[in-house]
Amino acid sequence: MKKIASIYDAKLKDPGRAAQWLERASQLAPDDRDVLLPLVDLFIAAGRQRDAIPLLEKVIATFAGKRTKEVAQLHHRLGLAQEGLGETAAALAQYDAAFKIDLTSVPILRDLGRLTHQTGDLDRAQKTFRALLLQKLDPTTAGITKADVYYYLGDISAKQADKPKAISMLERAIAEDKAHDRARALLAELKA
């Protein structure tokens, strides 16, 4: 069943059908993480976050309070599922739990920074994005570039009424990526 699910997912690009096969496998092995975790990913890819959340909670519980990078990633995935449902406070709590375990994970920092920025917790967002500057950011795997980080820091500074710092951060964003439209637009607005 896992092999059939893999074919539907990888070759046919049909996460919904792949999830159906892994659901069958999970009925045969309800505590098998090697079945549950890919099933979670398929549920999320198929837009079935509500189905993914209880599975993630179940897998996290199997670690019995251990604080490993794997558990941090699980909290992060749970946060992504909750955020996908619009449950911002619950997602933030999961990103926090993940961050407390793994302080250097780029995906965790990225999503924690993005969500705190979105919710208006600017001081926390600023600290998180600064921490991202200390990490190696591979845009193909990180989902964020240095230019994006500088943009967020510039936007935060602008919202905190620190125009010179905002301009400096936005200029750094453009130096990193000359085509960064959001940085260019905000810089033009601040210089107007």
C-alpha atoms as a PDB file:
ATOM      1  CA  MET A   1       0.000   0.000   0.000  1.00  0.00           C
ATOM      2  CA  LYS A   2       2.888   2.357   0.761  1.00  0.00           C
ATOM      3  CA  LYS A   3       4.306   1.647  -2.686  1.00  0.00           C
ATOM      4  CA  ILE A   4       0.989   2.390  -4.383  1.00  0.00           C
ATOM      5  CA  ALA A   5       0.680   5.623  -2.374  1.00  0.00           C
ATOM      6  CA  SER A   6       4.180   6.581  -3.483  1.00  0.00           C
ATOM      7  CA  ILE A   7       3.249   6.070  -7.139  1.00  0.00           C
ATOM      8  CA  TYR A   8       0.123   8.217  -6.803  1.00  0.00           C
ATOM      9  CA  ASP A   9       2.091  10.944  -5.035  1.00  0.00           C
ATOM     10  CA  ALA A  10       5.416  11.044  -6.885  1.00  0.00           C
ATOM     11  CA  LYS A  11       4.507   9.934 -10.388  1.00  0.00           C
ATOM     12  CA  LEU A  12       0.845  10.841 -10.752  1.00  0.00           C
ATOM     13  CA  LYS A  13       0.947  13.976  -8.556  1.00  0.00           C
ATOM     14  CA  ASP A  14      -2.322  13.005  -6.883  1.00  0.00           C
ATOM     15  CA  PRO A  15      -1.875  13.469  -3.097  1.00  0.00           C
ATOM     16  CA  GLY A  16      -5.566  12.802  -2.463  1.00  0.00           C
ATOM     17  CA  ARG A  17      -5.456   9.286  -3.944  1.00  0.00           C
ATOM     18  CA  ALA A  18      -2.060   8.621  -2.369  1.00  0.00           C
ATOM     19  CA  ALA A  19      -3.517   9.569   1.018  1.00  0.00           C
ATOM     20  CA  GLN A  20      -6.331   7.038   0.549  1.00  0.00           C
ATOM     21  CA  TRP A  21      -3.779   4.240   0.172  1.00  0.00           C
ATOM     22  CA  LEU A  22      -1.744   5.357   3.161  1.00  0.00           C
ATOM     23  CA  GLU A  23      -4.931   5.623   5.227  1.00  0.00           C
ATOM     24  CA  ARG A  24      -5.470   1.931   4.547  1.00  0.00           C
ATOM     25  CA  ALA A  25      -1.899   1.187   5.590  1.00  0.00           C
ATOM     26  CA  SER A  26      -2.348   3.224   8.789  1.00  0.00           C
ATOM     27  CA  GLN A  27      -5.370   1.098   9.702  1.00  0.00           C
ATOM     28  CA  LEU A  28      -3.103  -1.951   9.625  1.00  0.00           C
ATOM     29  CA  ALA A  29      -0.287  -0.219  11.545  1.00  0.00           C
ATOM     30  CA  PRO A  30      -1.914   2.626  13.517  1.00  0.00           C
ATOM     31  CA  ASP A  31       1.267   3.588  15.420  1.00  0.00           C
ATOM     32  CA  ASP A  32       3.786   3.286  12.575  1.00  0.00           C
ATOM     33  CA  ARG A  33       5.456   6.676  12.149  1.00  0.00           C
ATOM     34  CA  ASP A  34       6.769   5.605   8.730  1.00  0.00           C
ATOM     35  CA  VAL A  35       3.146   5.466   7.584  1.00  0.00           C
ATOM     36  CA  LEU A  36       1.683   8.303   9.661  1.00  0.00           C
ATOM     37  CA  LEU A  37       4.193  11.018   8.747  1.00  0.00           C
ATOM     38  CA  PRO A  38       3.926  10.617   4.957  1.00  0.00           C
ATOM     39  CA  LEU A  39       0.160  10.441   5.434  1.00  0.00           C
ATOM     40  CA  VAL A  40       0.260  13.767   7.284  1.00  0.00           C
ATOM     41  CA  ASP A  41       2.196  15.341   4.409  1.00  0.00           C
ATOM     42  CA  LEU A  42      -0.290  13.974   1.883  1.00  0.00           C
ATOM     43  CA  PHE A  43      -3.241  15.247   3.914  1.00  0.00           C
ATOM     44  CA  ILE A  44      -1.687  18.716   4.006  1.00  0.00           C
ATOM     45  CA  ALA A  45      -0.880  18.615   0.265  1.00  0.00           C
ATOM     46  CA  ALA A  46      -4.472  17.561  -0.437  1.00  0.00           C
ATOM     47  CA  GLY A  47      -5.872  20.378   1.709  1.00  0.00           C
ATOM     48  CA  ARG A  48      -6.994  18.005   4.446  1.00  0.00           C
ATOM     49  CA  GLN A  49      -5.395  19.797   7.399  1.00  0.00           C
ATOM     50  CA  ARG A  50      -8.194  18.740   9.751  1.00  0.00           C
ATOM     51  CA  ASP A  51      -7.253  15.111   9.121  1.00  0.00           C
ATOM     52  CA  ALA A  52      -3.523  15.817   9.543  1.00  0.00           C
ATOM     53  CA  ILE A  53      -3.788  17.547  12.936  1.00  0.00           C
ATOM     54  CA  PRO A  54      -4.876  14.556  15.064  1.00  0.00           C
ATOM     55  CA  LEU A  55      -2.252  12.351  13.425  1.00  0.00           C
ATOM     56  CA  LEU A  56       0.486  14.878  14.183  1.00  0.00           C
ATOM     57  CA  GLU A  57      -0.699  15.205  17.767  1.00  0.00           C
ATOM     58  CA  LYS A  58      -0.649  11.413  18.056  1.00  0.00           C
ATOM     59  CA  VAL A  59       2.900  11.166  16.683  1.00  0.00           C
ATOM     60  CA  ILE A  60       4.149  13.984  18.945  1.00  0.00           C
ATOM     61  CA  ALA A  61       2.644  12.188  21.952  1.00  0.00           C
ATOM     62  CA  THR A  62       4.657   9.056  21.120  1.00  0.00           C
ATOM     63  CA  PHE A  63       7.843  10.964  21.881  1.00  0.00           C
ATOM     64  CA  ALA A  64       6.721  11.369  25.520  1.00  0.00           C
ATOM     65  CA  GLY A  65       8.129  14.865  26.033  1.00  0.00           C
ATOM     66  CA  LYS A  66      11.508  14.266  24.359  1.00  0.00           C
ATOM     67  CA  ARG A  67      13.057  17.388  22.872  1.00  0.00           C
ATOM     68  CA  THR A  68      14.671  16.367  19.598  1.00  0.00           C
ATOM     69  CA  LYS A  69      14.930  18.104  16.257  1.00  0.00           C
ATOM     70  CA  GLU A  70      12.470  15.558  14.908  1.00  0.00           C
ATOM     71  CA  VAL A  71       9.911  16.653  17.509  1.00  0.00           C
ATOM     72  CA  ALA A  72      10.583  20.297  16.602  1.00  0.00           C
ATOM     73  CA  GLN A  73       9.821  19.484  12.964  1.00  0.00           C
ATOM     74  CA  LEU A  74       6.592  17.780  14.013  1.00  0.00           C
ATOM     75  CA  HIS A  75       5.488  20.833  15.991  1.00  0.00           C
ATOM     76  CA  HIS A  76       6.338  22.937  12.948  1.00  0.00           C
ATOM     77  CA  ARG A  77       4.246  20.724  10.672  1.00  0.00           C
ATOM     78  CA  LEU A  78       1.374  20.890  13.146  1.00  0.00           C
ATOM     79  CA  GLY A  79       1.666  24.680  13.119  1.00  0.00           C
ATOM     80  CA  LEU A  80       1.543  24.705   9.314  1.00  0.00           C
ATOM     81  CA  ALA A  81      -1.605  22.584   9.331  1.00  0.00           C
ATOM     82  CA  GLN A  82      -3.256  24.837  11.906  1.00  0.00           C
ATOM     83  CA  GLU A  83      -2.216  27.968  10.058  1.00  0.00           C
ATOM     84  CA  GLY A  84      -3.703  26.480   6.892  1.00  0.00           C
ATOM     85  CA  LEU A  85      -7.023  26.332   8.736  1.00  0.00           C
ATOM     86  CA  GLY A  86      -6.708  29.935   9.883  1.00  0.00           C
ATOM     87  CA  GLU A  87      -6.016  28.930  13.485  1.00  0.00           C
ATOM     88  CA  THR A  88      -3.333  31.566  14.006  1.00  0.00           C
ATOM     89  CA  ALA A  89      -3.002  31.339  17.789  1.00  0.00           C
ATOM     90  CA  ALA A  90      -2.699  27.543  17.711  1.00  0.00           C
ATOM     91  CA  ALA A  91      -0.173  27.728  14.861  1.00  0.00           C
ATOM     92  CA  LEU A  92       1.885  30.291  16.753  1.00  0.00           C
ATOM     93  CA  ALA A  93       1.895  28.055  19.838  1.00  0.00           C
ATOM     94  CA  GLN A  94       3.239  25.171  17.740  1.00  0.00           C
ATOM     95  CA  TYR A  95       5.900  27.349  16.073  1.00  0.00           C
ATOM     96  CA  ASP A  96       6.929  28.485  19.554  1.00  0.00           C
ATOM     97  CA  ALA A  97       7.167  24.891  20.749  1.00  0.00           C
ATOM     98  CA  ALA A  98       9.288  24.025  17.714  1.00  0.00           C
ATOM     99  CA  PHE A  99      11.529  27.068  18.193  1.00  0.00           C
ATOM    100  CA  LYS A 100      12.148  26.256  21.863  1.00  0.00           C
ATOM    101  CA  ILE A 101      13.528  22.890  20.769  1.00  0.00           C
ATOM    102  CA  ASP A 102      15.444  23.943  17.638  1.00  0.00           C
ATOM    103  CA  LEU A 103      16.652  27.545  17.695  1.00  0.00           C
ATOM    104  CA  THR A 104      18.405  27.379  14.313  1.00  0.00           C
ATOM    105  CA  SER A 105      15.909  25.716  11.989  1.00  0.00           C
ATOM    106  CA  VAL A 106      15.387  27.986   8.990  1.00  0.00           C
ATOM    107  CA  PRO A 107      11.814  26.796   8.226  1.00  0.00           C
ATOM    108  CA  ILE A 108      10.798  27.265  11.872  1.00  0.00           C
ATOM    109  CA  LEU A 109      12.390  30.720  12.075  1.00  0.00           C
ATOM    110  CA  ARG A 110      10.872  31.677   8.712  1.00  0.00           C
ATOM    111  CA  ASP A 111       7.330  30.736   9.685  1.00  0.00           C
ATOM    112  CA  LEU A 112       7.597  32.079  13.231  1.00  0.00           C
ATOM    113  CA  GLY A 113       8.903  35.392  11.879  1.00  0.00           C
ATOM    114  CA  ARG A 114       6.291  35.575   9.144  1.00  0.00           C
ATOM    115  CA  LEU A 115       3.400  34.815  11.498  1.00  0.00           C
ATOM    116  CA  THR A 116       4.540  37.172  14.267  1.00  0.00           C
ATOM    117  CA  HIS A 117       4.963  39.881  11.613  1.00  0.00           C
ATOM    118  CA  GLN A 118       1.479  39.146  10.293  1.00  0.00           C
ATOM    119  CA  THR A 119      -0.062  39.305  13.780  1.00  0.00           C
ATOM    120  CA  GLY A 120       1.699  42.575  14.600  1.00  0.00           C
ATOM    121  CA  ASP A 121       4.161  41.257  17.204  1.00  0.00           C
ATOM    122  CA  LEU A 122       6.859  43.365  15.597  1.00  0.00           C
ATOM    123  CA  ASP A 123       9.520  43.101  18.306  1.00  0.00           C
ATOM    124  CA  ARG A 124       9.373  39.343  18.216  1.00  0.00           C
ATOM    125  CA  ALA A 125       9.276  39.261  14.424  1.00  0.00           C
ATOM    126  CA  GLN A 126      12.329  41.496  14.317  1.00  0.00           C
ATOM    127  CA  LYS A 127      14.292  39.203  16.656  1.00  0.00           C
ATOM    128  CA  THR A 128      13.273  36.178  14.625  1.00  0.00           C
ATOM    129  CA  PHE A 129      14.282  37.698  11.297  1.00  0.00           C
ATOM    130  CA  ARG A 130      17.597  38.834  12.769  1.00  0.00           C
ATOM    131  CA  ALA A 131      18.199  35.239  13.834  1.00  0.00           C
ATOM    132  CA  LEU A 132      17.517  34.189  10.240  1.00  0.00           C
ATOM    133  CA  LEU A 133      20.318  36.459   9.035  1.00  0.00           C
ATOM    134  CA  LEU A 134      22.737  34.264  11.004  1.00  0.00           C
ATOM    135  CA  GLN A 135      21.639  31.144   9.130  1.00  0.00           C
ATOM    136  CA  LYS A 136      22.690  29.922   5.720  1.00  0.00           C
ATOM    137  CA  LEU A 137      19.691  30.577   3.480  1.00  0.00           C
ATOM    138  CA  ASP A 138      19.388  28.428   0.400  1.00  0.00           C
ATOM    139  CA  PRO A 139      16.430  29.947  -1.482  1.00  0.00           C
ATOM    140  CA  THR A 140      15.640  26.635  -3.183  1.00  0.00           C
ATOM    141  CA  THR A 141      15.076  24.831   0.133  1.00  0.00           C
ATOM    142  CA  ALA A 142      14.583  27.580   2.730  1.00  0.00           C
ATOM    143  CA  GLY A 143      11.569  29.257   1.164  1.00  0.00           C
ATOM    144  CA  ILE A 144      13.061  32.646   2.028  1.00  0.00           C
ATOM    145  CA  THR A 145      15.999  34.674   0.751  1.00  0.00           C
ATOM    146  CA  LYS A 146      18.271  37.172   2.468  1.00  0.00           C
ATOM    147  CA  ALA A 147      16.526  39.860   0.445  1.00  0.00           C
ATOM    148  CA  ASP A 148      13.187  38.735   1.916  1.00  0.00           C
ATOM    149  CA  VAL A 149      14.617  38.876   5.438  1.00  0.00           C
ATOM    150  CA  TYR A 150      15.955  42.388   4.877  1.00  0.00           C
ATOM    151  CA  TYR A 151      12.576  43.378   3.433  1.00  0.00           C
ATOM    152  CA  TYR A 152      10.765  42.158   6.546  1.00  0.00           C
ATOM    153  CA  LEU A 153      13.273  43.954   8.785  1.00  0.00           C
ATOM    154  CA  GLY A 154      12.774  47.127   6.739  1.00  0.00           C
ATOM    155  CA  ASP A 155       8.999  46.822   6.923  1.00  0.00           C
ATOM    156  CA  ILE A 156       9.170  46.280  10.690  1.00  0.00           C
ATOM    157  CA  SER A 157      11.404  49.322  11.134  1.00  0.00           C
ATOM    158  CA  ALA A 158       9.024  51.388   9.013  1.00  0.00           C
ATOM    159  CA  LYS A 159       6.081  50.290  11.163  1.00  0.00           C
ATOM    160  CA  GLN A 160       8.099  51.188  14.261  1.00  0.00           C
ATOM    161  CA  ALA A 161       8.665  54.671  12.787  1.00  0.00           C
ATOM    162  CA  ASP A 162      12.434  54.172  12.388  1.00  0.00           C
ATOM    163  CA  LYS A 163      12.639  55.484   8.835  1.00  0.00           C
ATOM    164  CA  PRO A 164      16.465  55.585   8.514  1.00  0.00           C
ATOM    165  CA  LYS A 165      16.796  51.975   9.649  1.00  0.00           C
ATOM    166  CA  ALA A 166      13.921  50.941   7.396  1.00  0.00           C
ATOM    167  CA  ILE A 167      15.600  52.565   4.393  1.00  0.00           C
ATOM    168  CA  SER A 168      18.895  50.877   5.246  1.00  0.00           C
ATOM    169  CA  MET A 169      17.288  47.434   5.482  1.00  0.00           C
ATOM    170  CA  LEU A 170      15.349  47.916   2.245  1.00  0.00           C
ATOM    171  CA  GLU A 171      18.490  49.041   0.433  1.00  0.00           C
ATOM    172  CA  ARG A 172      20.175  45.856   1.658  1.00  0.00           C
ATOM    173  CA  ALA A 173      17.230  43.838   0.354  1.00  0.00           C
ATOM    174  CA  ILE A 174      17.620  45.425  -3.073  1.00  0.00           C
ATOM    175  CA  ALA A 175      21.394  44.912  -2.982  1.00  0.00           C
ATOM    176  CA  GLU A 176      20.709  41.199  -2.438  1.00  0.00           C
ATOM    177  CA  ASP A 177      17.986  41.058  -5.109  1.00  0.00           C
ATOM    178  CA  LYS A 178      17.613  43.979  -7.487  1.00  0.00           C
ATOM    179  CA  ALA A 179      14.198  42.689  -8.600  1.00  0.00           C
ATOM    180  CA  HIS A 180      12.670  42.485  -5.104  1.00  0.00           C
ATOM    181  CA  ASP A 181       9.405  44.288  -5.891  1.00  0.00           C
ATOM    182  CA  ARG A 182       8.085  44.629  -2.329  1.00  0.00           C
ATOM    183  CA  ALA A 183      11.379  46.121  -1.111  1.00  0.00           C
ATOM    184  CA  ARG A 184      11.492  48.510  -4.065  1.00  0.00           C
ATOM    185  CA  ALA A 185       7.903  49.628  -3.542  1.00  0.00           C
ATOM    186  CA  LEU A 186       8.315  50.231   0.199  1.00  0.00           C
ATOM    187  CA  LEU A 187      11.628  52.029  -0.325  1.00  0.00           C
ATOM    188  CA  ALA A 188      10.046  54.322  -2.921  1.00  0.00           C
ATOM    189  CA  GLU A 189       7.168  55.016  -0.515  1.00  0.00           C
ATOM    190  CA  LEU A 190       9.548  55.880   2.341  1.00  0.00           C
ATOM    191  CA  LYS A 191      11.717  58.127   0.162  1.00  0.00           C
ATOM    192  CA  ALA A 192       8.716  59.982  -1.305  1.00  0.00           C
END
